[in-house]
Amino acid sequence: MCKIKICGIMREETCGVLNELLPNYAGFIFAPKSRRCITRETAMKLREKLDKRIQTVGVFLNEDIDTVCDIARTGAINAIQLHGSEKNDYVQRVKELTGLTVIKAFTVRSGVDIISATESAADMLLLDNGCGTGESFDWDYLEDVDRLYFLAGGLTPENVAGAARKYSPYGVDVSSGVETDGAKDNNKIRRFIEAVRTSGTF
């Protein structure tokens, strides 16, 4: 059953459609360079608005471990996604200190990147074209993945069902693919989730 993650949640207005449709995960971005970056205070407010059945994921980029742990302790997030150049010792330390599931993101440019990803100490992988580019990579590389992974990058309501059927990822992750003019679009979120759930993989 393909899981669904809607990433880059910034506004309380988005919580309504998420609570109605109940995707498996909602992502909060804490990377300062991202236009979708939010504060821990905002994340705590959003967590309160979201149905408890939705798991919240904190997305970090080469962040100090103490900061990651501090945010984890607020209860705003249920899992951690590392989107930078964090090595296995960093991943292991975060897992030990927080007790939370850790997802490690990898940019895929070649089969070599897939090999590096599968050697990660993370609980799950996220395979992407880059940091929020909204573009896809060559998905044929996915044939060599033998770990639980989220497919990200370039997914839209129009192509997600086909990708989920063909590659059977653990989950699909979307941010810009459900936005209009840089803001989350409730209609696109609805269409994306419905596409996954009618794809035969949910």
Foldseek 3Di string as FASTA:
>chain_A
DAAEEAELDQDLVLQVLCQVLVGQEYEAECEVVDPSHDDLVSLQVSQVSHDPNHFYEYEYEPDDLVVVLVSLVVVSGQAYEYEYDDAQVSQVVSCVSRVHAYEYEWADADLVRLVVQLPHPGQEYEYENHDPPQAGYPCVSLVPHPHAYEYEHVDFLVCPLVSCVPRVHNYYYYYVNQDDPRHGDSVRVVSNSVSNVPSVND
